[in-house]
Amino acid sequence: MARRGNNIYKRKDGRYEGRVPVGYHKNGKIRYKSVYTRTLAEVKQKMAEIYSIGQEQHPTALKLTFGDAA
């Protein structure tokens, strides 16, 4: 069964770690960006910022111009 949720963990050193999916590797696995802060609220805020930046960017699979394709 696949994991669901925010991927937020409390570490042994007292900090919180949040993992945000930011894309895919060439082999198809998900690539994550980690965020470390002292409070849970800060982790959620930083994760929301990273997620919103990722949503604004539109990846293009092909880098061809119309002339090259023709």
PDB file of N, CA and C in Angstrom:
ATOM      1  N   MET A   1       0.838  -1.172   0.000  1.00  0.00           N
ATOM      2  CA  MET A   1       0.000   0.000   0.000  1.00  0.00           C
ATOM      3  C   MET A   1       0.886   1.239   0.000  1.00  0.00           C
ATOM      4  N   ALA A   2       0.546   2.199  -0.779  1.00  0.00           N
ATOM      5  CA  ALA A   2       1.347   3.415  -0.906  1.00  0.00           C
ATOM      6  C   ALA A   2       1.187   4.304   0.319  1.00  0.00           C
ATOM      7  N   ARG A   3       2.246   5.042   0.603  1.00  0.00           N
ATOM      8  CA  ARG A   3       2.207   5.974   1.731  1.00  0.00           C
ATOM      9  C   ARG A   3       1.372   7.183   1.361  1.00  0.00           C
ATOM     10  N   ARG A   4       0.710   7.716   2.343  1.00  0.00           N
ATOM     11  CA  ARG A   4      -0.055   8.932   2.128  1.00  0.00           C
ATOM     12  C   ARG A   4       0.247   9.870   3.275  1.00  0.00           C
ATOM     13  N   GLY A   5       0.182  11.166   3.020  1.00  0.00           N
ATOM     14  CA  GLY A   5       0.403  12.117   4.100  1.00  0.00           C
ATOM     15  C   GLY A   5       1.435  13.156   3.731  1.00  0.00           C
ATOM     16  N   ASN A   6       1.942  13.840   4.745  1.00  0.00           N
ATOM     17  CA  ASN A   6       2.807  14.987   4.521  1.00  0.00           C
ATOM     18  C   ASN A   6       4.285  14.677   4.571  1.00  0.00           C
ATOM     19  N   ASN A   7       4.702  13.474   4.952  1.00  0.00           N
ATOM     20  CA  ASN A   7       6.112  13.122   5.088  1.00  0.00           C
ATOM     21  C   ASN A   7       6.828  14.068   6.043  1.00  0.00           C
ATOM     22  N   ILE A   8       6.275  14.262   7.221  1.00  0.00           N
ATOM     23  CA  ILE A   8       6.893  15.094   8.250  1.00  0.00           C
ATOM     24  C   ILE A   8       7.252  14.184   9.422  1.00  0.00           C
ATOM     25  N   TYR A   9       8.503  14.282   9.864  1.00  0.00           N
ATOM     26  CA  TYR A   9       8.988  13.438  10.940  1.00  0.00           C
ATOM     27  C   TYR A   9       9.720  14.279  11.973  1.00  0.00           C
ATOM     28  N   LYS A  10       9.687  13.837  13.226  1.00  0.00           N
ATOM     29  CA  LYS A  10      10.487  14.470  14.262  1.00  0.00           C
ATOM     30  C   LYS A  10      11.750  13.639  14.425  1.00  0.00           C
ATOM     31  N   ARG A  11      12.899  14.304  14.308  1.00  0.00           N
ATOM     32  CA  ARG A  11      14.183  13.631  14.381  1.00  0.00           C
ATOM     33  C   ARG A  11      14.646  13.497  15.827  1.00  0.00           C
ATOM     34  N   LYS A  12      15.669  12.674  16.047  1.00  0.00           N
ATOM     35  CA  LYS A  12      16.197  12.474  17.392  1.00  0.00           C
ATOM     36  C   LYS A  12      16.792  13.748  17.977  1.00  0.00           C
ATOM     37  N   ASP A  13      17.290  14.638  17.115  1.00  0.00           N
ATOM     38  CA  ASP A  13      17.908  15.868  17.607  1.00  0.00           C
ATOM     39  C   ASP A  13      16.880  16.966  17.906  1.00  0.00           C
ATOM     40  N   GLY A  14      15.579  16.674  17.770  1.00  0.00           N
ATOM     41  CA  GLY A  14      14.534  17.628  18.128  1.00  0.00           C
ATOM     42  C   GLY A  14      14.003  18.445  16.967  1.00  0.00           C
ATOM     43  N   ARG A  15      14.677  18.400  15.813  1.00  0.00           N
ATOM     44  CA  ARG A  15      14.194  19.135  14.653  1.00  0.00           C
ATOM     45  C   ARG A  15      13.137  18.325  13.918  1.00  0.00           C
ATOM     46  N   TYR A  16      12.378  19.017  13.079  1.00  0.00           N
ATOM     47  CA  TYR A  16      11.398  18.372  12.219  1.00  0.00           C
ATOM     48  C   TYR A  16      11.952  18.321  10.811  1.00  0.00           C
ATOM     49  N   GLU A  17      11.680  17.210  10.130  1.00  0.00           N
ATOM     50  CA  GLU A  17      12.100  17.039   8.740  1.00  0.00           C
ATOM     51  C   GLU A  17      10.862  16.846   7.888  1.00  0.00           C
ATOM     52  N   GLY A  18      10.768  17.621   6.823  1.00  0.00           N
ATOM     53  CA  GLY A  18       9.683  17.472   5.870  1.00  0.00           C
ATOM     54  C   GLY A  18      10.254  17.156   4.500  1.00  0.00           C
ATOM     55  N   ARG A  19       9.627  16.239   3.777  1.00  0.00           N
ATOM     56  CA  ARG A  19      10.083  15.859   2.436  1.00  0.00           C
ATOM     57  C   ARG A  19       9.001  16.215   1.429  1.00  0.00           C
ATOM     58  N   VAL A  20       9.394  16.987   0.406  1.00  0.00           N
ATOM     59  CA  VAL A  20       8.459  17.450  -0.617  1.00  0.00           C
ATOM     60  C   VAL A  20       8.859  16.842  -1.954  1.00  0.00           C
ATOM     61  N   PRO A  21       7.944  16.184  -2.677  1.00  0.00           N
ATOM     62  CA  PRO A  21       8.282  15.672  -4.007  1.00  0.00           C
ATOM     63  C   PRO A  21       8.449  16.834  -4.988  1.00  0.00           C
ATOM     64  N   VAL A  22       9.582  16.842  -5.703  1.00  0.00           N
ATOM     65  CA  VAL A  22       9.856  17.943  -6.626  1.00  0.00           C
ATOM     66  C   VAL A  22      10.005  17.493  -8.070  1.00  0.00           C
ATOM     67  N   GLY A  23       9.954  16.208  -8.339  1.00  0.00           N
ATOM     68  CA  GLY A  23      10.089  15.737  -9.705  1.00  0.00           C
ATOM     69  C   GLY A  23      10.400  14.255  -9.730  1.00  0.00           C
ATOM     70  N   TYR A  24      10.927  13.811 -10.860  1.00  0.00           N
ATOM     71  CA  TYR A  24      11.235  12.401 -11.039  1.00  0.00           C
ATOM     72  C   TYR A  24      12.653  12.235 -11.562  1.00  0.00           C
ATOM     73  N   HIS A  25      13.314  11.159 -11.132  1.00  0.00           N
ATOM     74  CA  HIS A  25      14.610  10.781 -11.671  1.00  0.00           C
ATOM     75  C   HIS A  25      14.394  10.133 -13.043  1.00  0.00           C
ATOM     76  N   LYS A  26      15.477   9.897 -13.753  1.00  0.00           N
ATOM     77  CA  LYS A  26      15.355   9.265 -15.072  1.00  0.00           C
ATOM     78  C   LYS A  26      14.806   7.854 -14.988  1.00  0.00           C
ATOM     79  N   ASN A  27      15.043   7.168 -13.859  1.00  0.00           N
ATOM     80  CA  ASN A  27      14.553   5.797 -13.717  1.00  0.00           C
ATOM     81  C   ASN A  27      13.101   5.735 -13.247  1.00  0.00           C
ATOM     82  N   GLY A  28      12.460   6.894 -13.034  1.00  0.00           N
ATOM     83  CA  GLY A  28      11.050   6.939 -12.688  1.00  0.00           C
ATOM     84  C   GLY A  28      10.754   7.112 -11.211  1.00  0.00           C
ATOM     85  N   LYS A  29      11.773   7.054 -10.356  1.00  0.00           N
ATOM     86  CA  LYS A  29      11.535   7.235  -8.925  1.00  0.00           C
ATOM     87  C   LYS A  29      11.325   8.713  -8.604  1.00  0.00           C
ATOM     88  N   ILE A  30      10.593   8.981  -7.527  1.00  0.00           N
ATOM     89  CA  ILE A  30      10.293  10.354  -7.133  1.00  0.00           C
ATOM     90  C   ILE A  30      11.524  10.994  -6.500  1.00  0.00           C
ATOM     91  N   ARG A  31      11.780  12.242  -6.850  1.00  0.00           N
ATOM     92  CA  ARG A  31      12.886  13.006  -6.267  1.00  0.00           C
ATOM     93  C   ARG A  31      12.295  13.925  -5.199  1.00  0.00           C
ATOM     94  N   TYR A  32      12.923  13.965  -4.019  1.00  0.00           N
ATOM     95  CA  TYR A  32      12.429  14.747  -2.895  1.00  0.00           C
ATOM     96  C   TYR A  32      13.396  15.859  -2.525  1.00  0.00           C
ATOM     97  N   LYS A  33      12.858  16.920  -1.930  1.00  0.00           N
ATOM     98  CA  LYS A  33      13.646  17.976  -1.318  1.00  0.00           C
ATOM     99  C   LYS A  33      13.316  17.958   0.162  1.00  0.00           C
ATOM    100  N   SER A  34      14.334  17.978   1.020  1.00  0.00           N
ATOM    101  CA  SER A  34      14.122  17.928   2.462  1.00  0.00           C
ATOM    102  C   SER A  34      14.200  19.313   3.063  1.00  0.00           C
ATOM    103  N   VAL A  35      13.371  19.534   4.095  1.00  0.00           N
ATOM    104  CA  VAL A  35      13.323  20.802   4.815  1.00  0.00           C
ATOM    105  C   VAL A  35      13.496  20.473   6.290  1.00  0.00           C
ATOM    106  N   TYR A  36      14.388  21.192   6.966  1.00  0.00           N
ATOM    107  CA  TYR A  36      14.643  20.972   8.387  1.00  0.00           C
ATOM    108  C   TYR A  36      14.393  22.269   9.148  1.00  0.00           C
ATOM    109  N   THR A  37      13.538  22.215  10.180  1.00  0.00           N
ATOM    110  CA  THR A  37      13.287  23.373  11.038  1.00  0.00           C
ATOM    111  C   THR A  37      13.052  22.898  12.465  1.00  0.00           C
ATOM    112  N   ARG A  38      12.930  23.851  13.380  1.00  0.00           N
ATOM    113  CA  ARG A  38      12.747  23.518  14.798  1.00  0.00           C
ATOM    114  C   ARG A  38      11.282  23.317  15.185  1.00  0.00           C
ATOM    115  N   THR A  39      10.342  23.891  14.436  1.00  0.00           N
ATOM    116  CA  THR A  39       8.930  23.756  14.802  1.00  0.00           C
ATOM    117  C   THR A  39       8.135  23.141  13.655  1.00  0.00           C
ATOM    118  N   LEU A  40       7.036  22.521  14.011  1.00  0.00           N
ATOM    119  CA  LEU A  40       6.165  21.870  13.039  1.00  0.00           C
ATOM    120  C   LEU A  40       5.513  22.884  12.107  1.00  0.00           C
ATOM    121  N   ALA A  41       5.136  24.034  12.645  1.00  0.00           N
ATOM    122  CA  ALA A  41       4.488  25.063  11.825  1.00  0.00           C
ATOM    123  C   ALA A  41       5.444  25.593  10.747  1.00  0.00           C
ATOM    124  N   GLU A  42       6.720  25.762  11.092  1.00  0.00           N
ATOM    125  CA  GLU A  42       7.695  26.240  10.105  1.00  0.00           C
ATOM    126  C   GLU A  42       7.893  25.223   8.997  1.00  0.00           C
ATOM    127  N   VAL A  43       7.913  23.940   9.346  1.00  0.00           N
ATOM    128  CA  VAL A  43       8.069  22.891   8.331  1.00  0.00           C
ATOM    129  C   VAL A  43       6.905  22.936   7.354  1.00  0.00           C
ATOM    130  N   LYS A  44       5.688  23.033   7.874  1.00  0.00           N
ATOM    131  CA  LYS A  44       4.512  23.070   6.999  1.00  0.00           C
ATOM    132  C   LYS A  44       4.539  24.288   6.090  1.00  0.00           C
ATOM    133  N   GLN A  45       4.984  25.425   6.614  1.00  0.00           N
ATOM    134  CA  GLN A  45       5.050  26.652   5.817  1.00  0.00           C
ATOM    135  C   GLN A  45       6.087  26.515   4.699  1.00  0.00           C
ATOM    136  N   LYS A  46       7.281  26.031   5.022  1.00  0.00           N
ATOM    137  CA  LYS A  46       8.329  25.888   4.009  1.00  0.00           C
ATOM    138  C   LYS A  46       7.954  24.841   2.968  1.00  0.00           C
ATOM    139  N   MET A  47       7.311  23.769   3.403  1.00  0.00           N
ATOM    140  CA  MET A  47       6.882  22.752   2.449  1.00  0.00           C
ATOM    141  C   MET A  47       5.843  23.315   1.487  1.00  0.00           C
ATOM    142  N   ALA A  48       4.933  24.141   1.979  1.00  0.00           N
ATOM    143  CA  ALA A  48       3.924  24.759   1.120  1.00  0.00           C
ATOM    144  C   ALA A  48       4.576  25.683   0.098  1.00  0.00           C
ATOM    145  N   GLU A  49       5.615  26.419   0.505  1.00  0.00           N
ATOM    146  CA  GLU A  49       6.324  27.307  -0.417  1.00  0.00           C
ATOM    147  C   GLU A  49       7.002  26.514  -1.529  1.00  0.00           C
ATOM    148  N   ILE A  50       7.688  25.436  -1.168  1.00  0.00           N
ATOM    149  CA  ILE A  50       8.380  24.614  -2.165  1.00  0.00           C
ATOM    150  C   ILE A  50       7.376  23.965  -3.101  1.00  0.00           C
ATOM    151  N   TYR A  51       6.268  23.476  -2.547  1.00  0.00           N
ATOM    152  CA  TYR A  51       5.255  22.833  -3.371  1.00  0.00           C
ATOM    153  C   TYR A  51       4.625  23.817  -4.359  1.00  0.00           C
ATOM    154  N   SER A  52       4.383  25.063  -3.915  1.00  0.00           N
ATOM    155  CA  SER A  52       3.778  26.051  -4.802  1.00  0.00           C
ATOM    156  C   SER A  52       4.734  26.460  -5.916  1.00  0.00           C
ATOM    157  N   ILE A  53       6.027  26.540  -5.625  1.00  0.00           N
ATOM    158  CA  ILE A  53       7.010  26.855  -6.658  1.00  0.00           C
ATOM    159  C   ILE A  53       7.041  25.751  -7.702  1.00  0.00           C
ATOM    160  N   GLY A  54       6.966  24.504  -7.244  1.00  0.00           N
ATOM    161  CA  GLY A  54       6.964  23.367  -8.165  1.00  0.00           C
ATOM    162  C   GLY A  54       5.740  23.329  -9.043  1.00  0.00           C
ATOM    163  N   GLN A  55       4.606  23.807  -8.540  1.00  0.00           N
ATOM    164  CA  GLN A  55       3.375  23.814  -9.320  1.00  0.00           C
ATOM    165  C   GLN A  55       3.390  24.891 -10.392  1.00  0.00           C
ATOM    166  N   GLU A  56       4.144  25.967 -10.173  1.00  0.00           N
ATOM    167  CA  GLU A  56       4.204  27.056 -11.147  1.00  0.00           C
ATOM    168  C   GLU A  56       5.050  26.686 -12.356  1.00  0.00           C
ATOM    169  N   GLN A  57       6.059  25.842 -12.167  1.00  0.00           N
ATOM    170  CA  GLN A  57       6.941  25.462 -13.262  1.00  0.00           C
ATOM    171  C   GLN A  57       6.302  24.329 -14.050  1.00  0.00           C
ATOM    172  N   HIS A  58       6.309  24.469 -15.359  1.00  0.00           N
ATOM    173  CA  HIS A  58       5.761  23.439 -16.227  1.00  0.00           C
ATOM    174  C   HIS A  58       6.915  22.752 -16.945  1.00  0.00           C
ATOM    175  N   PRO A  59       7.213  21.515 -16.595  1.00  0.00           N
ATOM    176  CA  PRO A  59       8.319  20.827 -17.253  1.00  0.00           C
ATOM    177  C   PRO A  59       7.955  20.479 -18.688  1.00  0.00           C
ATOM    178  N   THR A  60       8.904  20.597 -19.566  1.00  0.00           N
ATOM    179  CA  THR A  60       8.696  20.218 -20.950  1.00  0.00           C
ATOM    180  C   THR A  60       9.537  18.988 -21.239  1.00  0.00           C
ATOM    181  N   ALA A  61       8.914  17.988 -21.797  1.00  0.00           N
ATOM    182  CA  ALA A  61       9.605  16.734 -22.066  1.00  0.00           C
ATOM    183  C   ALA A  61      10.540  16.876 -23.263  1.00  0.00           C
ATOM    184  N   LEU A  62      10.116  17.608 -24.286  1.00  0.00           N
ATOM    185  CA  LEU A  62      10.923  17.765 -25.479  1.00  0.00           C
ATOM    186  C   LEU A  62      11.405  19.203 -25.607  1.00  0.00           C
ATOM    187  N   LYS A  63      12.638  19.351 -25.989  1.00  0.00           N
ATOM    188  CA  LYS A  63      13.221  20.678 -26.166  1.00  0.00           C
ATOM    189  C   LYS A  63      13.410  20.953 -27.662  1.00  0.00           C
ATOM    190  N   LEU A  64      12.408  20.637 -28.473  1.00  0.00           N
ATOM    191  CA  LEU A  64      12.497  20.831 -29.903  1.00  0.00           C
ATOM    192  C   LEU A  64      11.716  22.060 -30.324  1.00  0.00           C
ATOM    193  N   THR A  65      12.247  22.736 -31.314  1.00  0.00           N
ATOM    194  CA  THR A  65      11.497  23.824 -31.913  1.00  0.00           C
ATOM    195  C   THR A  65      10.657  23.248 -33.054  1.00  0.00           C
ATOM    196  N   PHE A  66       9.754  24.048 -33.580  1.00  0.00           N
ATOM    197  CA  PHE A  66       8.906  23.580 -34.664  1.00  0.00           C
ATOM    198  C   PHE A  66       9.738  23.252 -35.903  1.00  0.00           C
ATOM    199  N   GLY A  67      10.745  24.062 -36.180  1.00  0.00           N
ATOM    200  CA  GLY A  67      11.589  23.833 -37.351  1.00  0.00           C
ATOM    201  C   GLY A  67      12.381  22.540 -37.253  1.00  0.00           C
ATOM    202  N   ASP A  68      12.893  22.221 -36.047  1.00  0.00           N
ATOM    203  CA  ASP A  68      13.630  20.984 -35.853  1.00  0.00           C
ATOM    204  C   ASP A  68      12.728  19.760 -36.038  1.00  0.00           C
ATOM    205  N   ALA A  69      11.510  19.856 -35.569  1.00  0.00           N
ATOM    206  CA  ALA A  69      10.578  18.726 -35.668  1.00  0.00           C
ATOM    207  C   ALA A  69      10.136  18.506 -37.110  1.00  0.00           C
ATOM    208  N   ALA A  70      10.036  19.572 -37.873  1.00  0.00           N
ATOM    209  CA  ALA A  70       9.596  19.451 -39.257  1.00  0.00           C
ATOM    210  C   ALA A  70      10.754  18.942 -40.088  1.00  0.00           C
TER     211      ALA A  70
END
